[in-house]
Amino acid sequence: MRRALFLVPLALFLVLAGYFALALRPGYDPQMLPSAMIDKEAPHFDLAGLNGKRLALDALKGNPVLINFFASWCVPCRQEQPVLMRLATREHVPLYGIDYKDNPANAAKLLAQLGDPYRRVGLDPDGHVGLNFGVYGVPETYVLDATGHIRKRFVGPLTAEEVDKQLLPLLKALNKP
């Protein structure tokens, strides 16, 4: 029995060493959250719009688009706003927003203050659409191809580097016939 007590610290050390070895392996990104939705059709939605115009998945099909889940109470959403404005104005990317678990008046105020990069904004006050997409938290951005299938998911605020190295090349590839 005494011998077994001496093996407990060794076993704990081996478990911790294994955990750190996995977490520190090359190519591992701790920010990457897997999504079961990649390469699957985006969940159907038809939402009331912030400006009165509805936002529905069926209306987005035909060209690759971005769907960005955001909220006025989300600090990282505010940080990513200049990147989204660049995508909409300079890159002319079709960008649609879904206001996630938010007060529509607060979302309208946010977009009036920081700029509105979205072609349309759908309202998801109870978070059901976000849940169906697998949203962990805002902001999250999804790339949909012309058929409405999810091709990529960006968790957290988009950065200029992600846009230049991953997002724009993906959109270019998806736009090729």
N, C-alpha and C. Protein backbone atom coordinates (compact mmCIF):
# COMPACT_ATOMS: atom_id res chain seq x y z
N MET A 1 0.82 -1.19 0.00
CA MET A 1 0.00 0.00 0.00
C MET A 1 0.86 1.26 0.00
N ARG A 2 1.96 1.23 0.76
CA ARG A 2 2.85 2.38 0.81
C ARG A 2 3.48 2.64 -0.55
N ARG A 3 3.79 1.57 -1.26
CA ARG A 3 4.37 1.72 -2.60
C ARG A 3 3.40 2.42 -3.54
N ALA A 4 2.13 2.09 -3.42
CA ALA A 4 1.12 2.69 -4.28
C ALA A 4 1.04 4.20 -4.03
N LEU A 5 1.20 4.64 -2.81
CA LEU A 5 1.18 6.07 -2.50
C LEU A 5 2.33 6.81 -3.16
N PHE A 6 3.48 6.14 -3.32
CA PHE A 6 4.61 6.77 -3.99
C PHE A 6 4.38 6.88 -5.50
N LEU A 7 3.53 6.04 -6.06
CA LEU A 7 3.26 6.07 -7.49
C LEU A 7 2.24 7.14 -7.89
N VAL A 8 1.45 7.61 -6.94
CA VAL A 8 0.43 8.62 -7.24
C VAL A 8 1.07 9.91 -7.77
N PRO A 9 2.08 10.48 -7.13
CA PRO A 9 2.69 11.70 -7.70
C PRO A 9 3.30 11.45 -9.09
N LEU A 10 3.87 10.29 -9.30
CA LEU A 10 4.43 9.97 -10.61
C LEU A 10 3.33 9.92 -11.67
N ALA A 11 2.22 9.31 -11.34
CA ALA A 11 1.10 9.22 -12.28
C ALA A 11 0.56 10.62 -12.59
N LEU A 12 0.41 11.46 -11.58
CA LEU A 12 -0.05 12.84 -11.80
C LEU A 12 0.92 13.61 -12.69
N PHE A 13 2.21 13.43 -12.45
CA PHE A 13 3.21 14.10 -13.28
C PHE A 13 3.10 13.66 -14.73
N LEU A 14 2.93 12.37 -14.97
CA LEU A 14 2.82 11.86 -16.35
C LEU A 14 1.56 12.40 -17.05
N VAL A 15 0.47 12.49 -16.32
CA VAL A 15 -0.77 13.04 -16.91
C VAL A 15 -0.56 14.50 -17.29
N LEU A 16 0.01 15.29 -16.38
CA LEU A 16 0.27 16.70 -16.67
C LEU A 16 1.26 16.87 -17.82
N ALA A 17 2.30 16.08 -17.85
CA ALA A 17 3.29 16.15 -18.93
C ALA A 17 2.63 15.82 -20.27
N GLY A 18 1.77 14.85 -20.29
CA GLY A 18 1.04 14.50 -21.52
C GLY A 18 0.14 15.63 -21.98
N TYR A 19 -0.55 16.24 -21.04
CA TYR A 19 -1.43 17.37 -21.37
C TYR A 19 -0.64 18.51 -21.99
N PHE A 20 0.49 18.88 -21.35
CA PHE A 20 1.30 19.98 -21.88
C PHE A 20 1.94 19.62 -23.21
N ALA A 21 2.33 18.37 -23.39
CA ALA A 21 2.90 17.95 -24.67
C ALA A 21 1.88 18.11 -25.79
N LEU A 22 0.62 17.77 -25.54
CA LEU A 22 -0.42 17.95 -26.55
C LEU A 22 -0.69 19.43 -26.82
N ALA A 23 -0.73 20.23 -25.77
CA ALA A 23 -1.05 21.64 -25.93
C ALA A 23 0.08 22.43 -26.61
N LEU A 24 1.29 21.95 -26.52
CA LEU A 24 2.43 22.67 -27.08
C LEU A 24 2.92 22.10 -28.41
N ARG A 25 2.18 21.15 -28.97
CA ARG A 25 2.63 20.55 -30.23
C ARG A 25 2.57 21.57 -31.36
N PRO A 26 3.45 21.44 -32.35
CA PRO A 26 3.47 22.38 -33.48
C PRO A 26 2.14 22.35 -34.23
N GLY A 27 1.70 23.53 -34.64
CA GLY A 27 0.47 23.65 -35.40
C GLY A 27 -0.80 23.68 -34.57
N TYR A 28 -0.69 23.48 -33.27
CA TYR A 28 -1.87 23.51 -32.40
C TYR A 28 -2.25 24.95 -32.12
N ASP A 29 -3.50 25.30 -32.37
CA ASP A 29 -4.00 26.64 -32.12
C ASP A 29 -5.04 26.56 -31.01
N PRO A 30 -4.72 27.05 -29.81
CA PRO A 30 -5.67 26.95 -28.70
C PRO A 30 -6.93 27.78 -28.92
N GLN A 31 -6.89 28.74 -29.85
CA GLN A 31 -8.07 29.56 -30.14
C GLN A 31 -9.02 28.86 -31.11
N MET A 32 -8.53 27.83 -31.77
CA MET A 32 -9.36 27.13 -32.76
C MET A 32 -10.39 26.27 -32.06
N LEU A 33 -11.64 26.58 -32.32
CA LEU A 33 -12.73 25.78 -31.78
C LEU A 33 -13.32 24.99 -32.93
N PRO A 34 -13.34 23.68 -32.83
CA PRO A 34 -13.85 22.89 -33.94
C PRO A 34 -15.34 23.14 -34.16
N SER A 35 -15.74 23.02 -35.41
CA SER A 35 -17.15 23.19 -35.73
C SER A 35 -17.62 21.99 -36.51
N ALA A 36 -18.69 21.39 -36.06
CA ALA A 36 -19.29 20.25 -36.75
C ALA A 36 -20.03 20.71 -38.00
N MET A 37 -20.19 22.01 -38.17
CA MET A 37 -20.98 22.55 -39.28
C MET A 37 -20.17 22.78 -40.56
N ILE A 38 -18.85 22.69 -40.50
CA ILE A 38 -18.04 22.92 -41.69
C ILE A 38 -18.43 21.93 -42.77
N ASP A 39 -18.63 22.44 -43.99
CA ASP A 39 -19.02 21.69 -45.18
C ASP A 39 -20.46 21.19 -45.13
N LYS A 40 -21.22 21.63 -44.16
CA LYS A 40 -22.64 21.29 -44.10
C LYS A 40 -23.46 22.52 -44.46
N GLU A 41 -24.70 22.30 -44.88
CA GLU A 41 -25.55 23.42 -45.20
C GLU A 41 -25.83 24.23 -43.93
N ALA A 42 -25.79 25.54 -44.09
CA ALA A 42 -26.08 26.42 -42.95
C ALA A 42 -27.50 26.18 -42.48
N PRO A 43 -27.74 26.28 -41.19
CA PRO A 43 -29.10 26.11 -40.67
C PRO A 43 -30.04 27.16 -41.26
N HIS A 44 -31.24 26.72 -41.57
CA HIS A 44 -32.24 27.63 -42.13
C HIS A 44 -32.59 28.71 -41.13
N PHE A 45 -32.74 29.93 -41.63
CA PHE A 45 -33.23 31.02 -40.79
C PHE A 45 -33.97 32.03 -41.64
N ASP A 46 -34.90 32.69 -41.03
CA ASP A 46 -35.65 33.78 -41.63
C ASP A 46 -35.96 34.74 -40.48
N LEU A 47 -35.17 35.80 -40.39
CA LEU A 47 -35.21 36.68 -39.22
C LEU A 47 -35.78 38.05 -39.56
N ALA A 48 -36.46 38.63 -38.58
CA ALA A 48 -36.86 40.03 -38.69
C ALA A 48 -35.58 40.86 -38.80
N GLY A 49 -35.66 41.95 -39.54
CA GLY A 49 -34.47 42.76 -39.77
C GLY A 49 -34.41 43.98 -38.88
N LEU A 50 -33.20 44.44 -38.66
CA LEU A 50 -32.98 45.63 -37.83
C LEU A 50 -33.62 46.86 -38.47
N ASN A 51 -33.56 46.94 -39.79
CA ASN A 51 -34.14 48.09 -40.49
C ASN A 51 -35.47 47.75 -41.15
N GLY A 52 -36.08 46.67 -40.73
CA GLY A 52 -37.37 46.26 -41.29
C GLY A 52 -37.25 45.25 -42.41
N LYS A 53 -36.06 45.11 -43.02
CA LYS A 53 -35.87 44.14 -44.10
C LYS A 53 -35.44 42.81 -43.50
N ARG A 54 -36.18 41.77 -43.82
CA ARG A 54 -35.90 40.43 -43.27
C ARG A 54 -34.56 39.91 -43.79
N LEU A 55 -33.96 39.02 -43.04
CA LEU A 55 -32.73 38.33 -43.44
C LEU A 55 -33.02 36.84 -43.42
N ALA A 56 -32.93 36.22 -44.60
CA ALA A 56 -33.23 34.79 -44.72
C ALA A 56 -32.10 34.10 -45.46
N LEU A 57 -31.80 32.89 -45.06
CA LEU A 57 -30.74 32.11 -45.70
C LEU A 57 -31.01 31.93 -47.19
N ASP A 58 -32.23 31.63 -47.55
CA ASP A 58 -32.55 31.37 -48.96
C ASP A 58 -32.21 32.56 -49.86
N ALA A 59 -32.34 33.77 -49.36
CA ALA A 59 -32.04 34.97 -50.14
C ALA A 59 -30.55 35.19 -50.30
N LEU A 60 -29.72 34.52 -49.50
CA LEU A 60 -28.27 34.71 -49.57
C LEU A 60 -27.59 33.76 -50.54
N LYS A 61 -28.29 32.75 -51.00
CA LYS A 61 -27.70 31.76 -51.88
C LYS A 61 -27.47 32.36 -53.27
N GLY A 62 -26.47 31.85 -53.95
CA GLY A 62 -26.14 32.31 -55.29
C GLY A 62 -24.74 32.87 -55.38
N ASN A 63 -24.22 33.40 -54.28
CA ASN A 63 -22.86 33.92 -54.21
C ASN A 63 -22.30 33.64 -52.82
N PRO A 64 -20.97 33.54 -52.70
CA PRO A 64 -20.40 33.41 -51.36
C PRO A 64 -20.69 34.66 -50.53
N VAL A 65 -20.97 34.46 -49.25
CA VAL A 65 -21.28 35.56 -48.34
C VAL A 65 -20.64 35.31 -46.99
N LEU A 66 -20.57 36.36 -46.20
CA LEU A 66 -20.14 36.27 -44.81
C LEU A 66 -21.33 36.56 -43.92
N ILE A 67 -21.45 35.79 -42.85
CA ILE A 67 -22.44 36.08 -41.82
C ILE A 67 -21.66 36.30 -40.53
N ASN A 68 -21.87 37.48 -39.95
CA ASN A 68 -21.17 37.87 -38.73
C ASN A 68 -22.17 38.00 -37.59
N PHE A 69 -21.96 37.20 -36.54
CA PHE A 69 -22.77 37.30 -35.33
C PHE A 69 -22.11 38.34 -34.43
N PHE A 70 -22.89 39.32 -34.00
CA PHE A 70 -22.36 40.41 -33.19
C PHE A 70 -23.42 40.84 -32.17
N ALA A 71 -23.00 41.73 -31.26
CA ALA A 71 -23.93 42.32 -30.30
C ALA A 71 -23.36 43.64 -29.81
N SER A 72 -24.22 44.54 -29.42
CA SER A 72 -23.77 45.86 -28.95
C SER A 72 -23.02 45.76 -27.63
N TRP A 73 -23.32 44.76 -26.82
CA TRP A 73 -22.69 44.61 -25.51
C TRP A 73 -21.32 43.92 -25.60
N CYS A 74 -20.93 43.53 -26.79
CA CYS A 74 -19.70 42.75 -27.02
C CYS A 74 -18.53 43.68 -27.32
N VAL A 75 -17.56 43.74 -26.43
CA VAL A 75 -16.38 44.60 -26.61
C VAL A 75 -15.54 44.14 -27.81
N PRO A 76 -15.25 42.84 -27.98
CA PRO A 76 -14.48 42.43 -29.16
C PRO A 76 -15.20 42.76 -30.48
N CYS A 77 -16.52 42.82 -30.46
CA CYS A 77 -17.26 43.19 -31.68
C CYS A 77 -16.92 44.62 -32.09
N ARG A 78 -16.76 45.47 -31.11
CA ARG A 78 -16.38 46.85 -31.39
C ARG A 78 -14.96 46.91 -31.95
N GLN A 79 -14.09 46.04 -31.45
CA GLN A 79 -12.71 46.01 -31.93
C GLN A 79 -12.63 45.56 -33.38
N GLU A 80 -13.51 44.67 -33.80
CA GLU A 80 -13.44 44.14 -35.16
C GLU A 80 -14.16 45.04 -36.17
N GLN A 81 -14.89 46.04 -35.71
CA GLN A 81 -15.70 46.87 -36.60
C GLN A 81 -14.89 47.53 -37.73
N PRO A 82 -13.69 48.06 -37.47
CA PRO A 82 -12.92 48.63 -38.58
C PRO A 82 -12.56 47.59 -39.66
N VAL A 83 -12.31 46.37 -39.26
CA VAL A 83 -12.00 45.31 -40.23
C VAL A 83 -13.23 44.99 -41.06
N LEU A 84 -14.39 44.94 -40.41
CA LEU A 84 -15.63 44.68 -41.14
C LEU A 84 -15.95 45.83 -42.10
N MET A 85 -15.70 47.05 -41.67
CA MET A 85 -15.93 48.20 -42.55
C MET A 85 -15.03 48.13 -43.78
N ARG A 86 -13.79 47.72 -43.58
CA ARG A 86 -12.87 47.56 -44.72
C ARG A 86 -13.38 46.50 -45.68
N LEU A 87 -13.86 45.37 -45.13
CA LEU A 87 -14.38 44.30 -45.98
C LEU A 87 -15.56 44.79 -46.82
N ALA A 88 -16.42 45.56 -46.21
CA ALA A 88 -17.62 46.02 -46.91
C ALA A 88 -17.32 47.12 -47.92
N THR A 89 -16.45 48.06 -47.56
CA THR A 89 -16.24 49.23 -48.42
C THR A 89 -15.11 49.03 -49.43
N ARG A 90 -13.95 48.57 -49.00
CA ARG A 90 -12.81 48.41 -49.92
C ARG A 90 -12.84 47.10 -50.67
N GLU A 91 -13.21 46.03 -49.98
CA GLU A 91 -13.16 44.70 -50.60
C GLU A 91 -14.50 44.32 -51.22
N HIS A 92 -15.56 45.06 -50.92
CA HIS A 92 -16.91 44.81 -51.46
C HIS A 92 -17.39 43.38 -51.20
N VAL A 93 -17.10 42.90 -50.00
CA VAL A 93 -17.53 41.56 -49.59
C VAL A 93 -18.98 41.61 -49.14
N PRO A 94 -19.82 40.70 -49.62
CA PRO A 94 -21.21 40.67 -49.15
C PRO A 94 -21.26 40.18 -47.70
N LEU A 95 -21.51 41.11 -46.81
CA LEU A 95 -21.44 40.86 -45.37
C LEU A 95 -22.82 41.09 -44.77
N TYR A 96 -23.29 40.09 -44.04
CA TYR A 96 -24.59 40.16 -43.38
C TYR A 96 -24.38 39.95 -41.89
N GLY A 97 -25.13 40.68 -41.08
CA GLY A 97 -24.99 40.59 -39.64
C GLY A 97 -26.19 39.91 -39.00
N ILE A 98 -25.92 39.23 -37.90
CA ILE A 98 -26.99 38.70 -37.07
C ILE A 98 -26.75 39.23 -35.66
N ASP A 99 -27.67 40.07 -35.22
CA ASP A 99 -27.60 40.68 -33.89
C ASP A 99 -28.03 39.64 -32.87
N TYR A 100 -27.06 39.16 -32.10
CA TYR A 100 -27.21 37.99 -31.24
C TYR A 100 -27.55 38.39 -29.80
N LYS A 101 -28.72 37.93 -29.33
CA LYS A 101 -29.13 38.15 -27.94
C LYS A 101 -28.94 39.60 -27.50
N ASP A 102 -29.52 40.50 -28.26
CA ASP A 102 -29.26 41.92 -28.05
C ASP A 102 -30.55 42.71 -28.19
N ASN A 103 -30.53 43.90 -27.67
CA ASN A 103 -31.62 44.85 -27.83
C ASN A 103 -31.44 45.54 -29.18
N PRO A 104 -32.42 45.48 -30.08
CA PRO A 104 -32.26 46.08 -31.41
C PRO A 104 -31.91 47.57 -31.37
N ALA A 105 -32.45 48.32 -30.41
CA ALA A 105 -32.13 49.75 -30.32
C ALA A 105 -30.65 49.95 -30.01
N ASN A 106 -30.09 49.10 -29.17
CA ASN A 106 -28.66 49.20 -28.85
C ASN A 106 -27.80 48.83 -30.05
N ALA A 107 -28.24 47.83 -30.81
CA ALA A 107 -27.49 47.44 -32.02
C ALA A 107 -27.52 48.57 -33.04
N ALA A 108 -28.67 49.20 -33.22
CA ALA A 108 -28.77 50.31 -34.17
C ALA A 108 -27.87 51.46 -33.74
N LYS A 109 -27.82 51.71 -32.45
CA LYS A 109 -26.96 52.78 -31.92
C LYS A 109 -25.48 52.45 -32.18
N LEU A 110 -25.09 51.20 -31.94
CA LEU A 110 -23.71 50.78 -32.20
C LEU A 110 -23.33 51.00 -33.66
N LEU A 111 -24.19 50.57 -34.58
CA LEU A 111 -23.89 50.70 -36.00
C LEU A 111 -23.89 52.16 -36.44
N ALA A 112 -24.71 52.99 -35.81
CA ALA A 112 -24.70 54.42 -36.13
C ALA A 112 -23.41 55.07 -35.66
N GLN A 113 -22.87 54.61 -34.53
CA GLN A 113 -21.64 55.18 -33.97
C GLN A 113 -20.40 54.72 -34.73
N LEU A 114 -20.31 53.40 -34.98
CA LEU A 114 -19.07 52.83 -35.52
C LEU A 114 -19.11 52.57 -37.02
N GLY A 115 -20.26 52.72 -37.63
CA GLY A 115 -20.41 52.43 -39.06
C GLY A 115 -21.12 51.11 -39.23
N ASP A 116 -21.88 51.02 -40.32
CA ASP A 116 -22.66 49.81 -40.59
C ASP A 116 -22.11 49.11 -41.83
N PRO A 117 -21.37 48.02 -41.64
CA PRO A 117 -20.78 47.32 -42.78
C PRO A 117 -21.73 46.31 -43.43
N TYR A 118 -22.90 46.10 -42.82
CA TYR A 118 -23.78 45.00 -43.23
C TYR A 118 -24.76 45.42 -44.32
N ARG A 119 -25.01 44.51 -45.24
CA ARG A 119 -26.05 44.73 -46.25
C ARG A 119 -27.43 44.61 -45.60
N ARG A 120 -27.56 43.69 -44.66
CA ARG A 120 -28.76 43.53 -43.85
C ARG A 120 -28.35 42.96 -42.50
N VAL A 121 -29.19 43.23 -41.50
CA VAL A 121 -28.96 42.70 -40.16
C VAL A 121 -30.23 42.00 -39.70
N GLY A 122 -30.08 40.72 -39.34
CA GLY A 122 -31.19 39.96 -38.79
C GLY A 122 -31.13 39.98 -37.27
N LEU A 123 -32.28 39.87 -36.65
CA LEU A 123 -32.37 39.91 -35.19
C LEU A 123 -32.56 38.50 -34.64
N ASP A 124 -31.67 38.11 -33.73
CA ASP A 124 -31.74 36.80 -33.08
C ASP A 124 -31.79 37.01 -31.56
N PRO A 125 -32.91 37.57 -31.06
CA PRO A 125 -32.97 37.96 -29.65
C PRO A 125 -32.87 36.81 -28.66
N ASP A 126 -33.35 35.63 -29.04
CA ASP A 126 -33.28 34.50 -28.11
C ASP A 126 -32.07 33.60 -28.37
N GLY A 127 -31.32 33.86 -29.43
CA GLY A 127 -30.10 33.11 -29.72
C GLY A 127 -30.30 31.77 -30.40
N HIS A 128 -31.52 31.48 -30.88
CA HIS A 128 -31.77 30.17 -31.51
C HIS A 128 -30.97 29.97 -32.79
N VAL A 129 -30.88 31.00 -33.62
CA VAL A 129 -30.12 30.87 -34.86
C VAL A 129 -28.64 30.67 -34.54
N GLY A 130 -28.13 31.45 -33.60
CA GLY A 130 -26.74 31.28 -33.19
C GLY A 130 -26.47 29.89 -32.65
N LEU A 131 -27.39 29.37 -31.87
CA LEU A 131 -27.26 28.02 -31.33
C LEU A 131 -27.21 27.00 -32.46
N ASN A 132 -28.07 27.18 -33.47
CA ASN A 132 -28.09 26.24 -34.60
C ASN A 132 -26.79 26.29 -35.40
N PHE A 133 -26.15 27.46 -35.46
CA PHE A 133 -24.87 27.58 -36.14
C PHE A 133 -23.73 27.03 -35.30
N GLY A 134 -23.94 26.93 -33.99
CA GLY A 134 -22.88 26.48 -33.10
C GLY A 134 -22.07 27.62 -32.52
N VAL A 135 -22.66 28.80 -32.44
CA VAL A 135 -21.96 29.97 -31.92
C VAL A 135 -21.64 29.75 -30.44
N TYR A 136 -20.36 29.93 -30.10
CA TYR A 136 -19.93 29.85 -28.70
C TYR A 136 -20.10 31.20 -28.03
N GLY A 137 -19.85 32.25 -28.78
CA GLY A 137 -19.94 33.61 -28.27
C GLY A 137 -19.63 34.56 -29.40
N VAL A 138 -19.98 35.81 -29.23
CA VAL A 138 -19.76 36.77 -30.29
C VAL A 138 -18.45 37.50 -30.09
N PRO A 139 -17.81 37.94 -31.14
CA PRO A 139 -18.18 37.79 -32.53
C PRO A 139 -17.72 36.45 -33.11
N GLU A 140 -18.50 35.97 -34.04
CA GLU A 140 -18.13 34.82 -34.87
C GLU A 140 -18.56 35.13 -36.29
N THR A 141 -17.72 34.71 -37.23
CA THR A 141 -18.00 34.97 -38.64
C THR A 141 -17.95 33.67 -39.41
N TYR A 142 -18.95 33.46 -40.25
CA TYR A 142 -19.05 32.25 -41.06
C TYR A 142 -18.98 32.61 -42.54
N VAL A 143 -18.22 31.82 -43.29
CA VAL A 143 -18.15 31.96 -44.74
C VAL A 143 -19.07 30.91 -45.33
N LEU A 144 -20.04 31.36 -46.12
CA LEU A 144 -20.95 30.45 -46.81
C LEU A 144 -20.66 30.49 -48.29
N ASP A 145 -20.66 29.33 -48.94
CA ASP A 145 -20.47 29.31 -50.38
C ASP A 145 -21.79 29.63 -51.07
N ALA A 146 -21.79 29.60 -52.40
CA ALA A 146 -22.97 29.99 -53.17
C ALA A 146 -24.17 29.07 -52.94
N THR A 147 -23.92 27.85 -52.46
CA THR A 147 -25.03 26.92 -52.21
C THR A 147 -25.54 26.99 -50.77
N GLY A 148 -24.91 27.84 -49.95
CA GLY A 148 -25.34 27.98 -48.56
C GLY A 148 -24.65 27.04 -47.60
N HIS A 149 -23.54 26.41 -48.03
CA HIS A 149 -22.78 25.53 -47.16
C HIS A 149 -21.70 26.33 -46.42
N ILE A 150 -21.49 26.00 -45.17
CA ILE A 150 -20.48 26.68 -44.35
C ILE A 150 -19.11 26.15 -44.75
N ARG A 151 -18.23 27.05 -45.15
CA ARG A 151 -16.88 26.65 -45.57
C ARG A 151 -15.81 27.01 -44.54
N LYS A 152 -16.06 28.02 -43.71
CA LYS A 152 -15.07 28.41 -42.70
C LYS A 152 -15.77 29.16 -41.59
N ARG A 153 -15.17 29.06 -40.43
CA ARG A 153 -15.68 29.75 -39.25
C ARG A 153 -14.52 30.47 -38.58
N PHE A 154 -14.73 31.74 -38.29
CA PHE A 154 -13.74 32.52 -37.56
C PHE A 154 -14.32 32.84 -36.19
N VAL A 155 -13.63 32.43 -35.15
CA VAL A 155 -14.07 32.66 -33.78
C VAL A 155 -13.32 33.87 -33.23
N GLY A 156 -14.06 34.78 -32.66
CA GLY A 156 -13.44 35.99 -32.12
C GLY A 156 -13.39 37.08 -33.18
N PRO A 157 -12.85 38.23 -32.81
CA PRO A 157 -12.82 39.34 -33.76
C PRO A 157 -11.89 39.05 -34.93
N LEU A 158 -12.37 39.35 -36.13
CA LEU A 158 -11.53 39.20 -37.31
C LEU A 158 -10.39 40.20 -37.24
N THR A 159 -9.21 39.77 -37.67
CA THR A 159 -8.06 40.67 -37.73
C THR A 159 -7.71 40.92 -39.19
N ALA A 160 -6.98 41.98 -39.44
CA ALA A 160 -6.55 42.29 -40.80
C ALA A 160 -5.70 41.15 -41.35
N GLU A 161 -4.88 40.54 -40.51
CA GLU A 161 -4.03 39.42 -40.95
C GLU A 161 -4.88 38.22 -41.37
N GLU A 162 -5.90 37.87 -40.59
CA GLU A 162 -6.79 36.76 -40.96
C GLU A 162 -7.52 37.06 -42.28
N VAL A 163 -7.94 38.30 -42.42
CA VAL A 163 -8.64 38.68 -43.64
C VAL A 163 -7.73 38.51 -44.85
N ASP A 164 -6.51 39.02 -44.75
CA ASP A 164 -5.59 38.97 -45.89
C ASP A 164 -5.08 37.57 -46.19
N LYS A 165 -4.79 36.79 -45.16
CA LYS A 165 -4.18 35.48 -45.37
C LYS A 165 -5.17 34.33 -45.54
N GLN A 166 -6.37 34.46 -44.96
CA GLN A 166 -7.31 33.34 -45.00
C GLN A 166 -8.64 33.69 -45.69
N LEU A 167 -9.25 34.78 -45.26
CA LEU A 167 -10.60 35.07 -45.71
C LEU A 167 -10.68 35.47 -47.18
N LEU A 168 -9.90 36.46 -47.58
CA LEU A 168 -9.97 36.92 -48.98
C LEU A 168 -9.55 35.83 -49.96
N PRO A 169 -8.46 35.07 -49.69
CA PRO A 169 -8.14 33.97 -50.62
C PRO A 169 -9.24 32.92 -50.71
N LEU A 170 -9.90 32.63 -49.59
CA LEU A 170 -11.00 31.67 -49.61
C LEU A 170 -12.16 32.19 -50.44
N LEU A 171 -12.51 33.45 -50.25
CA LEU A 171 -13.60 34.04 -51.04
C LEU A 171 -13.26 34.05 -52.53
N LYS A 172 -12.01 34.33 -52.84
CA LYS A 172 -11.57 34.33 -54.25
C LYS A 172 -11.72 32.92 -54.84
N ALA A 173 -11.33 31.92 -54.09
CA ALA A 173 -11.45 30.53 -54.55
C ALA A 173 -12.93 30.13 -54.71
N LEU A 174 -13.77 30.58 -53.80
CA LEU A 174 -15.19 30.23 -53.86
C LEU A 174 -15.91 30.95 -55.00
N ASN A 175 -15.38 32.07 -55.44
CA ASN A 175 -16.00 32.84 -56.53
C ASN A 175 -15.61 32.31 -57.92
N LYS A 176 -14.61 31.43 -57.97
CA LYS A 176 -14.22 30.88 -59.27
C LYS A 176 -15.28 29.89 -59.74
N PRO A 177 -15.60 29.95 -61.04
CA PRO A 177 -16.62 29.02 -61.57
C PRO A 177 -16.13 27.58 -61.61
